[in-house]
Amino acid sequence: MNWEDLKSYKPLEKGELSNAKISIENIVTEKLEPFGFRKFGRKLIRKSNDIVHIIHLDSRGSWQGSSSSLKTEFAIVSIFDTDILIENFEPISSSYIQHLEPKLKNYYQITKEFNLFAEYLSRKIIEIILPHLDKYLSSKDVLKEGIKLGGTKNLEQFCRLINESNEKISAEQLKAKKDAVLKKLKISE
């Protein structure tokens, strides 16, 4: 049985929510590991040349506490963008899955059928988000293709900076930024 074929969904008790969220994250992580993603907090990250792909499974609540819903965002970030990847570590200008496929919702309630939902979400990420991310495997791809969805606020600026000679920022400064990001994300070169 697939999650999308169900006619009704059973609500979770508040005490079950935390374990359900962890299960969803773990199932999605397991499905995306063959594509180079690994879990880092609530995010799945993949380094590709001088770009980082982020898929954010956001189930945080507001000031009222934990949320019973989950939203799926994705972002493409320059490896040199320390503002996002080190200081805030929240993608600015990320996009939602529904931006790529309007028939899909971005917010889903977490219900007792969360394992089936995690399988469904994994399939949709692989079918819809990964092909989009795969168009942008380096800063050169971002500049060549022009990015409409998923690009962060500073992405194009960093891509230009990396690919054009610029006297304002040295190679050592760029390397220091990159090394700081790689250390924070626990990624080896």
N, C-alpha and C. Protein backbone atom coordinates (compact mmCIF):
# COMPACT_ATOMS: atom_id res chain seq x y z
N MET A 1 0.85 -1.18 0.00
CA MET A 1 0.00 0.00 0.00
C MET A 1 0.89 1.24 0.00
N ASN A 2 0.55 2.19 -0.85
CA ASN A 2 1.27 3.45 -0.91
C ASN A 2 0.52 4.52 -0.13
N TRP A 3 1.26 5.46 0.42
CA TRP A 3 0.68 6.53 1.23
C TRP A 3 -0.36 7.32 0.44
N GLU A 4 -0.07 7.61 -0.82
CA GLU A 4 -0.97 8.43 -1.63
C GLU A 4 -2.27 7.70 -1.98
N ASP A 5 -2.32 6.39 -1.80
CA ASP A 5 -3.53 5.62 -2.09
C ASP A 5 -4.47 5.53 -0.89
N LEU A 6 -4.02 5.93 0.27
CA LEU A 6 -4.86 5.86 1.46
C LEU A 6 -6.01 6.86 1.34
N LYS A 7 -7.16 6.49 1.88
CA LYS A 7 -8.34 7.36 1.83
C LYS A 7 -8.45 8.22 3.09
N SER A 8 -7.88 7.75 4.18
CA SER A 8 -7.91 8.53 5.42
C SER A 8 -6.61 8.31 6.18
N TYR A 9 -6.32 9.24 7.06
CA TYR A 9 -5.09 9.21 7.84
C TYR A 9 -5.44 9.37 9.31
N LYS A 10 -4.73 8.65 10.16
CA LYS A 10 -5.01 8.68 11.59
C LYS A 10 -4.06 9.67 12.27
N PRO A 11 -4.60 10.56 13.09
CA PRO A 11 -3.74 11.54 13.76
C PRO A 11 -2.82 10.88 14.78
N LEU A 12 -1.69 11.50 14.98
CA LEU A 12 -0.72 11.04 15.99
C LEU A 12 -0.99 11.74 17.32
N GLU A 13 -0.70 11.03 18.39
CA GLU A 13 -0.70 11.67 19.71
C GLU A 13 0.54 12.55 19.78
N LYS A 14 0.45 13.62 20.54
CA LYS A 14 1.58 14.54 20.65
C LYS A 14 2.87 13.83 21.10
N GLY A 15 2.75 12.86 21.98
CA GLY A 15 3.91 12.12 22.47
C GLY A 15 4.58 11.25 21.42
N GLU A 16 3.85 10.92 20.36
CA GLU A 16 4.40 10.08 19.29
C GLU A 16 5.11 10.89 18.20
N LEU A 17 4.89 12.19 18.22
CA LEU A 17 5.36 13.06 17.15
C LEU A 17 6.88 13.06 16.99
N SER A 18 7.59 13.15 18.08
CA SER A 18 9.05 13.21 18.01
C SER A 18 9.64 11.97 17.34
N ASN A 19 9.18 10.80 17.74
CA ASN A 19 9.69 9.56 17.13
C ASN A 19 9.30 9.46 15.66
N ALA A 20 8.10 9.93 15.32
CA ALA A 20 7.66 9.91 13.92
C ALA A 20 8.56 10.80 13.06
N LYS A 21 8.89 11.99 13.55
CA LYS A 21 9.76 12.90 12.81
C LYS A 21 11.14 12.28 12.58
N ILE A 22 11.67 11.67 13.62
CA ILE A 22 12.98 11.02 13.51
C ILE A 22 12.92 9.89 12.49
N SER A 23 11.85 9.10 12.53
CA SER A 23 11.70 8.00 11.56
C SER A 23 11.62 8.52 10.13
N ILE A 24 10.86 9.59 9.92
CA ILE A 24 10.75 10.18 8.58
C ILE A 24 12.12 10.62 8.10
N GLU A 25 12.84 11.36 8.94
CA GLU A 25 14.18 11.84 8.56
C GLU A 25 15.10 10.67 8.24
N ASN A 26 15.06 9.63 9.05
CA ASN A 26 15.94 8.48 8.83
C ASN A 26 15.61 7.72 7.55
N ILE A 27 14.32 7.55 7.27
CA ILE A 27 13.93 6.84 6.03
C ILE A 27 14.34 7.65 4.81
N VAL A 28 14.05 8.96 4.83
CA VAL A 28 14.41 9.81 3.68
C VAL A 28 15.93 9.82 3.51
N THR A 29 16.66 9.91 4.61
CA THR A 29 18.13 9.88 4.54
C THR A 29 18.62 8.59 3.90
N GLU A 30 18.07 7.48 4.34
CA GLU A 30 18.47 6.18 3.79
C GLU A 30 18.23 6.11 2.29
N LYS A 31 17.10 6.66 1.84
CA LYS A 31 16.77 6.62 0.41
C LYS A 31 17.66 7.56 -0.42
N LEU A 32 18.14 8.64 0.21
CA LEU A 32 18.94 9.62 -0.54
C LEU A 32 20.45 9.41 -0.42
N GLU A 33 20.87 8.56 0.50
CA GLU A 33 22.31 8.29 0.62
C GLU A 33 22.95 7.79 -0.67
N PRO A 34 22.29 6.92 -1.46
CA PRO A 34 22.91 6.48 -2.72
C PRO A 34 23.15 7.63 -3.71
N PHE A 35 22.49 8.77 -3.48
CA PHE A 35 22.66 9.94 -4.36
C PHE A 35 23.67 10.92 -3.78
N GLY A 36 24.37 10.51 -2.72
CA GLY A 36 25.42 11.34 -2.15
C GLY A 36 25.00 12.23 -1.00
N PHE A 37 23.77 12.15 -0.55
CA PHE A 37 23.30 12.99 0.55
C PHE A 37 23.61 12.33 1.88
N ARG A 38 23.84 13.17 2.88
CA ARG A 38 23.97 12.68 4.24
C ARG A 38 23.25 13.64 5.17
N LYS A 39 22.86 13.13 6.30
CA LYS A 39 22.08 13.92 7.26
C LYS A 39 22.99 14.83 8.05
N PHE A 40 22.56 16.07 8.21
CA PHE A 40 23.25 17.04 9.03
C PHE A 40 22.16 17.84 9.73
N GLY A 41 21.86 17.49 10.96
CA GLY A 41 20.73 18.12 11.65
C GLY A 41 19.43 17.69 11.00
N ARG A 42 18.58 18.66 10.68
CA ARG A 42 17.32 18.38 9.99
C ARG A 42 17.48 18.43 8.47
N LYS A 43 18.71 18.58 8.04
CA LYS A 43 18.95 18.76 6.61
C LYS A 43 19.70 17.58 6.03
N LEU A 44 19.49 17.39 4.74
CA LEU A 44 20.28 16.44 3.97
C LEU A 44 21.16 17.28 3.06
N ILE A 45 22.45 17.01 3.08
CA ILE A 45 23.37 17.82 2.29
C ILE A 45 24.19 16.94 1.36
N ARG A 46 24.57 17.55 0.24
CA ARG A 46 25.44 16.87 -0.73
C ARG A 46 26.36 17.93 -1.32
N LYS A 47 27.65 17.67 -1.27
CA LYS A 47 28.62 18.58 -1.89
C LYS A 47 28.83 18.14 -3.32
N SER A 48 28.82 19.10 -4.22
CA SER A 48 29.09 18.84 -5.63
C SER A 48 30.01 19.94 -6.13
N ASN A 49 31.27 19.62 -6.27
CA ASN A 49 32.28 20.61 -6.69
C ASN A 49 32.26 21.79 -5.72
N ASP A 50 31.92 22.99 -6.20
CA ASP A 50 31.92 24.18 -5.34
C ASP A 50 30.49 24.60 -4.96
N ILE A 51 29.57 23.65 -5.00
CA ILE A 51 28.16 23.88 -4.68
C ILE A 51 27.75 22.88 -3.59
N VAL A 52 26.82 23.28 -2.74
CA VAL A 52 26.22 22.37 -1.77
C VAL A 52 24.72 22.33 -2.03
N HIS A 53 24.18 21.13 -2.16
CA HIS A 53 22.73 20.94 -2.30
C HIS A 53 22.17 20.64 -0.92
N ILE A 54 21.11 21.33 -0.55
CA ILE A 54 20.48 21.13 0.75
C ILE A 54 19.02 20.78 0.56
N ILE A 55 18.57 19.74 1.23
CA ILE A 55 17.14 19.42 1.32
C ILE A 55 16.80 19.50 2.80
N HIS A 56 15.87 20.37 3.11
CA HIS A 56 15.52 20.66 4.50
C HIS A 56 14.15 20.06 4.80
N LEU A 57 14.12 19.11 5.70
CA LEU A 57 12.87 18.52 6.17
C LEU A 57 12.51 19.27 7.46
N ASP A 58 11.69 20.29 7.32
CA ASP A 58 11.44 21.21 8.43
C ASP A 58 10.15 20.85 9.15
N SER A 59 10.29 20.39 10.37
CA SER A 59 9.12 20.06 11.18
C SER A 59 9.11 20.88 12.47
N ARG A 60 9.88 21.95 12.46
CA ARG A 60 9.90 22.80 13.65
C ARG A 60 8.58 23.53 13.77
N GLY A 61 8.21 23.77 14.97
CA GLY A 61 7.02 24.56 15.21
C GLY A 61 7.39 26.02 15.34
N SER A 62 6.43 26.80 15.68
CA SER A 62 6.68 28.21 15.93
C SER A 62 6.98 28.36 17.41
N TRP A 63 6.74 29.51 17.94
CA TRP A 63 6.95 29.75 19.36
C TRP A 63 6.03 28.88 20.21
N GLN A 64 5.01 28.28 19.60
CA GLN A 64 4.06 27.46 20.34
C GLN A 64 4.58 26.05 20.58
N GLY A 65 5.70 25.70 20.01
CA GLY A 65 6.26 24.38 20.23
C GLY A 65 6.34 23.58 18.95
N SER A 66 6.45 22.28 19.10
CA SER A 66 6.64 21.39 17.96
C SER A 66 5.42 21.38 17.04
N SER A 67 5.67 21.25 15.77
CA SER A 67 4.61 21.24 14.77
C SER A 67 4.28 19.80 14.39
N SER A 68 3.03 19.57 14.01
CA SER A 68 2.65 18.24 13.54
C SER A 68 2.69 18.17 12.02
N SER A 69 3.28 19.19 11.40
CA SER A 69 3.40 19.17 9.94
C SER A 69 4.87 19.19 9.54
N LEU A 70 5.10 18.86 8.28
CA LEU A 70 6.46 18.82 7.76
C LEU A 70 6.46 19.55 6.42
N LYS A 71 7.43 20.42 6.22
CA LYS A 71 7.58 21.06 4.92
C LYS A 71 8.93 20.68 4.34
N THR A 72 8.99 20.63 3.03
CA THR A 72 10.20 20.22 2.33
C THR A 72 10.72 21.39 1.51
N GLU A 73 11.92 21.84 1.84
CA GLU A 73 12.56 22.93 1.11
C GLU A 73 13.85 22.40 0.50
N PHE A 74 14.31 23.08 -0.53
CA PHE A 74 15.61 22.74 -1.10
C PHE A 74 16.34 24.02 -1.46
N ALA A 75 17.66 23.94 -1.43
CA ALA A 75 18.47 25.11 -1.75
C ALA A 75 19.78 24.67 -2.38
N ILE A 76 20.31 25.57 -3.18
CA ILE A 76 21.63 25.39 -3.79
C ILE A 76 22.49 26.53 -3.25
N VAL A 77 23.59 26.17 -2.62
CA VAL A 77 24.40 27.14 -1.90
C VAL A 77 25.84 27.04 -2.38
N SER A 78 26.50 28.17 -2.49
CA SER A 78 27.93 28.16 -2.80
C SER A 78 28.71 27.64 -1.60
N ILE A 79 29.72 26.86 -1.85
CA ILE A 79 30.57 26.32 -0.78
C ILE A 79 31.27 27.44 -0.02
N PHE A 80 31.32 28.63 -0.59
CA PHE A 80 31.99 29.77 0.03
C PHE A 80 31.05 30.64 0.84
N ASP A 81 29.77 30.32 0.88
CA ASP A 81 28.78 31.16 1.56
C ASP A 81 28.74 30.84 3.05
N THR A 82 29.66 31.42 3.78
CA THR A 82 29.74 31.14 5.22
C THR A 82 28.56 31.72 5.98
N ASP A 83 27.90 32.75 5.45
CA ASP A 83 26.72 33.30 6.14
C ASP A 83 25.66 32.23 6.33
N ILE A 84 25.40 31.47 5.29
CA ILE A 84 24.36 30.45 5.34
C ILE A 84 24.88 29.18 5.97
N LEU A 85 26.02 28.71 5.51
CA LEU A 85 26.48 27.39 5.90
C LEU A 85 27.16 27.34 7.26
N ILE A 86 27.56 28.48 7.80
CA ILE A 86 28.22 28.44 9.10
C ILE A 86 27.44 29.24 10.13
N GLU A 87 27.12 30.47 9.83
CA GLU A 87 26.52 31.31 10.86
C GLU A 87 25.04 31.00 11.07
N ASN A 88 24.23 31.12 10.04
CA ASN A 88 22.80 30.87 10.20
C ASN A 88 22.46 29.40 9.98
N PHE A 89 23.09 28.84 8.99
CA PHE A 89 22.80 27.49 8.51
C PHE A 89 21.34 27.28 8.20
N GLU A 90 20.65 28.33 7.83
CA GLU A 90 19.30 28.22 7.29
C GLU A 90 19.36 28.79 5.88
N PRO A 91 18.96 28.02 4.89
CA PRO A 91 19.01 28.56 3.53
C PRO A 91 18.12 29.78 3.40
N ILE A 92 18.66 30.83 2.87
CA ILE A 92 17.88 32.02 2.59
C ILE A 92 17.44 31.89 1.14
N SER A 93 16.19 32.15 0.87
CA SER A 93 15.64 32.05 -0.49
C SER A 93 15.55 30.60 -0.96
N SER A 94 15.32 29.69 -0.06
CA SER A 94 15.14 28.30 -0.49
C SER A 94 13.78 28.18 -1.19
N SER A 95 13.58 27.09 -1.88
CA SER A 95 12.34 26.86 -2.62
C SER A 95 11.65 25.63 -2.05
N TYR A 96 10.36 25.54 -2.33
CA TYR A 96 9.56 24.41 -1.87
C TYR A 96 9.36 23.42 -3.01
N ILE A 97 9.08 22.18 -2.65
CA ILE A 97 8.84 21.13 -3.65
C ILE A 97 7.68 21.52 -4.57
N GLN A 98 6.68 22.23 -4.04
CA GLN A 98 5.53 22.61 -4.88
C GLN A 98 5.90 23.65 -5.93
N HIS A 99 7.04 24.32 -5.78
CA HIS A 99 7.49 25.24 -6.83
C HIS A 99 7.90 24.47 -8.08
N LEU A 100 8.37 23.24 -7.91
CA LEU A 100 8.76 22.40 -9.05
C LEU A 100 7.59 21.58 -9.57
N GLU A 101 6.70 21.18 -8.68
CA GLU A 101 5.53 20.36 -9.05
C GLU A 101 4.32 20.91 -8.30
N PRO A 102 3.56 21.81 -8.95
CA PRO A 102 2.44 22.48 -8.28
C PRO A 102 1.36 21.53 -7.72
N LYS A 103 1.27 20.31 -8.24
CA LYS A 103 0.26 19.38 -7.73
C LYS A 103 0.59 18.90 -6.32
N LEU A 104 1.85 18.99 -5.94
CA LEU A 104 2.26 18.55 -4.60
C LEU A 104 2.09 19.68 -3.60
N LYS A 105 1.79 19.30 -2.39
CA LYS A 105 1.72 20.29 -1.32
C LYS A 105 3.11 20.40 -0.70
N ASN A 106 3.36 21.54 -0.13
CA ASN A 106 4.62 21.70 0.57
C ASN A 106 4.52 21.27 2.03
N TYR A 107 3.35 21.46 2.62
CA TYR A 107 3.15 21.09 4.02
C TYR A 107 2.30 19.83 4.08
N TYR A 108 2.75 18.86 4.86
CA TYR A 108 1.99 17.64 5.08
C TYR A 108 1.88 17.39 6.57
N GLN A 109 0.70 16.96 7.00
CA GLN A 109 0.51 16.56 8.39
C GLN A 109 1.23 15.25 8.64
N ILE A 110 1.84 15.13 9.78
CA ILE A 110 2.49 13.88 10.17
C ILE A 110 1.43 13.05 10.90
N THR A 111 1.13 11.89 10.34
CA THR A 111 0.08 11.03 10.88
C THR A 111 0.65 9.66 11.24
N LYS A 112 -0.21 8.78 11.71
CA LYS A 112 0.23 7.43 12.10
C LYS A 112 0.85 6.68 10.91
N GLU A 113 0.55 7.08 9.72
CA GLU A 113 1.08 6.44 8.51
C GLU A 113 2.41 7.07 8.08
N PHE A 114 3.17 7.58 9.05
CA PHE A 114 4.39 8.33 8.75
C PHE A 114 5.43 7.52 7.99
N ASN A 115 5.50 6.21 8.21
CA ASN A 115 6.48 5.40 7.47
C ASN A 115 6.14 5.36 5.98
N LEU A 116 4.86 5.19 5.67
CA LEU A 116 4.43 5.23 4.26
C LEU A 116 4.66 6.62 3.67
N PHE A 117 4.39 7.65 4.48
CA PHE A 117 4.61 9.02 4.03
C PHE A 117 6.09 9.25 3.71
N ALA A 118 6.98 8.74 4.56
CA ALA A 118 8.43 8.92 4.33
C ALA A 118 8.85 8.27 3.02
N GLU A 119 8.29 7.12 2.72
CA GLU A 119 8.58 6.45 1.43
C GLU A 119 8.09 7.31 0.27
N TYR A 120 6.87 7.84 0.40
CA TYR A 120 6.28 8.71 -0.63
C TYR A 120 7.15 9.96 -0.82
N LEU A 121 7.50 10.62 0.28
CA LEU A 121 8.30 11.84 0.20
C LEU A 121 9.66 11.56 -0.44
N SER A 122 10.26 10.45 -0.07
CA SER A 122 11.55 10.07 -0.68
C SER A 122 11.43 9.92 -2.19
N ARG A 123 10.37 9.24 -2.63
CA ARG A 123 10.16 9.07 -4.08
C ARG A 123 10.00 10.42 -4.77
N LYS A 124 9.23 11.31 -4.16
CA LYS A 124 8.98 12.62 -4.78
C LYS A 124 10.26 13.46 -4.81
N ILE A 125 11.06 13.39 -3.78
CA ILE A 125 12.33 14.11 -3.78
C ILE A 125 13.22 13.58 -4.90
N ILE A 126 13.30 12.26 -5.03
CA ILE A 126 14.13 11.65 -6.07
C ILE A 126 13.60 11.98 -7.46
N GLU A 127 12.30 11.95 -7.64
CA GLU A 127 11.69 12.21 -8.96
C GLU A 127 11.69 13.68 -9.34
N ILE A 128 11.55 14.58 -8.37
CA ILE A 128 11.30 15.98 -8.69
C ILE A 128 12.45 16.91 -8.30
N ILE A 129 12.93 16.80 -7.08
CA ILE A 129 13.97 17.73 -6.62
C ILE A 129 15.35 17.35 -7.16
N LEU A 130 15.71 16.08 -7.11
CA LEU A 130 17.06 15.69 -7.55
C LEU A 130 17.36 16.05 -9.00
N PRO A 131 16.44 15.83 -9.95
CA PRO A 131 16.75 16.26 -11.32
C PRO A 131 17.01 17.76 -11.43
N HIS A 132 16.30 18.55 -10.62
CA HIS A 132 16.55 19.99 -10.62
C HIS A 132 17.94 20.29 -10.06
N LEU A 133 18.27 19.69 -8.93
CA LEU A 133 19.59 19.92 -8.34
C LEU A 133 20.71 19.44 -9.26
N ASP A 134 20.47 18.35 -9.96
CA ASP A 134 21.50 17.78 -10.84
C ASP A 134 21.84 18.68 -12.03
N LYS A 135 21.01 19.66 -12.31
CA LYS A 135 21.33 20.64 -13.36
C LYS A 135 22.44 21.59 -12.90
N TYR A 136 22.62 21.67 -11.58
CA TYR A 136 23.55 22.63 -11.00
C TYR A 136 24.58 21.88 -10.15
N LEU A 137 25.60 21.36 -10.80
CA LEU A 137 26.63 20.59 -10.10
C LEU A 137 27.87 21.41 -9.79
N SER A 138 27.92 22.63 -10.31
CA SER A 138 29.06 23.51 -10.04
C SER A 138 28.63 24.96 -10.24
N SER A 139 29.49 25.87 -9.81
CA SER A 139 29.19 27.29 -10.00
C SER A 139 29.11 27.64 -11.48
N LYS A 140 29.87 26.95 -12.32
CA LYS A 140 29.79 27.19 -13.76
C LYS A 140 28.40 26.84 -14.30
N ASP A 141 27.81 25.76 -13.79
CA ASP A 141 26.45 25.38 -14.20
C ASP A 141 25.45 26.45 -13.80
N VAL A 142 25.61 27.00 -12.60
CA VAL A 142 24.70 28.05 -12.13
C VAL A 142 24.77 29.25 -13.06
N LEU A 143 25.97 29.65 -13.43
CA LEU A 143 26.13 30.81 -14.31
C LEU A 143 25.64 30.51 -15.72
N LYS A 144 25.89 29.30 -16.20
CA LYS A 144 25.50 28.92 -17.56
C LYS A 144 23.98 28.77 -17.69
N GLU A 145 23.38 28.07 -16.75
CA GLU A 145 21.95 27.77 -16.82
C GLU A 145 21.08 28.92 -16.33
N GLY A 146 21.61 29.72 -15.40
CA GLY A 146 20.78 30.73 -14.75
C GLY A 146 19.80 30.02 -13.82
N ILE A 147 19.79 30.37 -12.59
CA ILE A 147 19.00 29.62 -11.62
C ILE A 147 17.70 30.36 -11.30
N LYS A 148 16.61 29.63 -11.38
CA LYS A 148 15.29 30.23 -11.11
C LYS A 148 14.77 29.80 -9.74
N LEU A 149 14.97 28.53 -9.39
CA LEU A 149 14.46 27.99 -8.13
C LEU A 149 15.57 27.37 -7.31
N GLY A 150 15.55 27.62 -6.02
CA GLY A 150 16.49 26.97 -5.12
C GLY A 150 17.77 27.73 -4.86
N GLY A 151 18.04 28.74 -5.65
CA GLY A 151 19.26 29.51 -5.45
C GLY A 151 19.14 30.41 -4.24
N THR A 152 20.18 30.49 -3.46
CA THR A 152 20.16 31.36 -2.30
C THR A 152 20.53 32.78 -2.70
N LYS A 153 20.31 33.68 -1.79
CA LYS A 153 20.47 35.10 -2.05
C LYS A 153 21.83 35.45 -2.65
N ASN A 154 22.88 34.85 -2.14
CA ASN A 154 24.24 35.20 -2.57
C ASN A 154 24.83 34.25 -3.60
N LEU A 155 24.05 33.28 -4.07
CA LEU A 155 24.61 32.22 -4.91
C LEU A 155 25.28 32.75 -6.17
N GLU A 156 24.57 33.55 -6.94
CA GLU A 156 25.15 34.03 -8.20
C GLU A 156 26.38 34.90 -7.96
N GLN A 157 26.35 35.71 -6.91
CA GLN A 157 27.51 36.55 -6.60
C GLN A 157 28.74 35.69 -6.32
N PHE A 158 28.58 34.66 -5.50
CA PHE A 158 29.72 33.78 -5.20
C PHE A 158 30.16 33.02 -6.44
N CYS A 159 29.22 32.61 -7.27
CA CYS A 159 29.59 31.88 -8.50
C CYS A 159 30.40 32.77 -9.43
N ARG A 160 30.00 34.02 -9.56
CA ARG A 160 30.78 34.95 -10.38
C ARG A 160 32.16 35.17 -9.78
N LEU A 161 32.19 35.34 -8.48
CA LEU A 161 33.44 35.59 -7.77
C LEU A 161 34.43 34.45 -7.99
N ILE A 162 33.94 33.23 -7.93
CA ILE A 162 34.80 32.05 -8.09
C ILE A 162 35.33 31.95 -9.51
N ASN A 163 34.51 32.30 -10.49
CA ASN A 163 34.85 32.06 -11.88
C ASN A 163 35.45 33.25 -12.61
N GLU A 164 35.51 34.38 -11.97
CA GLU A 164 36.11 35.56 -12.59
C GLU A 164 37.23 36.04 -11.69
N SER A 165 38.25 36.59 -12.29
CA SER A 165 39.33 37.12 -11.46
C SER A 165 38.80 38.35 -10.73
N ASN A 166 39.12 38.43 -9.49
CA ASN A 166 38.63 39.53 -8.67
C ASN A 166 39.74 39.94 -7.71
N GLU A 167 40.13 41.17 -7.79
CA GLU A 167 41.24 41.63 -6.96
C GLU A 167 40.83 41.88 -5.52
N LYS A 168 39.53 42.01 -5.25
CA LYS A 168 39.09 42.34 -3.90
C LYS A 168 39.20 41.15 -2.94
N ILE A 169 39.11 39.98 -3.47
CA ILE A 169 39.16 38.80 -2.60
C ILE A 169 40.22 37.85 -3.15
N SER A 170 41.08 37.41 -2.30
CA SER A 170 42.19 36.57 -2.75
C SER A 170 41.82 35.10 -2.71
N ALA A 171 42.63 34.31 -3.36
CA ALA A 171 42.44 32.86 -3.34
C ALA A 171 42.54 32.32 -1.92
N GLU A 172 43.41 32.93 -1.10
CA GLU A 172 43.54 32.49 0.29
C GLU A 172 42.26 32.76 1.07
N GLN A 173 41.62 33.91 0.82
CA GLN A 173 40.37 34.22 1.51
C GLN A 173 39.27 33.24 1.11
N LEU A 174 39.20 32.93 -0.18
CA LEU A 174 38.20 31.95 -0.64
C LEU A 174 38.48 30.58 -0.03
N LYS A 175 39.74 30.19 0.03
CA LYS A 175 40.09 28.89 0.61
C LYS A 175 39.71 28.85 2.09
N ALA A 176 39.94 29.94 2.81
CA ALA A 176 39.59 29.99 4.23
C ALA A 176 38.09 29.84 4.43
N LYS A 177 37.29 30.49 3.57
CA LYS A 177 35.83 30.35 3.65
C LYS A 177 35.42 28.91 3.38
N LYS A 178 35.98 28.35 2.32
CA LYS A 178 35.64 26.97 1.94
C LYS A 178 36.04 25.99 3.05
N ASP A 179 37.24 26.16 3.60
CA ASP A 179 37.69 25.26 4.67
C ASP A 179 36.78 25.36 5.89
N ALA A 180 36.33 26.56 6.22
CA ALA A 180 35.42 26.74 7.37
C ALA A 180 34.10 26.02 7.13
N VAL A 181 33.58 26.12 5.91
CA VAL A 181 32.33 25.44 5.57
C VAL A 181 32.51 23.93 5.63
N LEU A 182 33.56 23.42 5.01
CA LEU A 182 33.80 21.97 5.01
C LEU A 182 33.95 21.43 6.43
N LYS A 183 34.63 22.19 7.28
CA LYS A 183 34.80 21.76 8.67
C LYS A 183 33.45 21.73 9.38
N LYS A 184 32.65 22.76 9.22
CA LYS A 184 31.33 22.83 9.86
C LYS A 184 30.44 21.68 9.41
N LEU A 185 30.45 21.38 8.12
CA LEU A 185 29.60 20.33 7.57
C LEU A 185 30.22 18.94 7.70
N LYS A 186 31.44 18.89 8.22
CA LYS A 186 32.15 17.61 8.39
C LYS A 186 32.29 16.87 7.06
N ILE A 187 32.70 17.63 6.03
CA ILE A 187 32.92 17.08 4.70
C ILE A 187 34.41 17.14 4.41
N SER A 188 34.96 16.05 3.92
CA SER A 188 36.37 16.08 3.54
C SER A 188 36.48 16.35 2.05
N GLU A 189 37.55 16.95 1.67
CA GLU A 189 37.81 17.34 0.27
C GLU A 189 38.06 16.14 -0.58
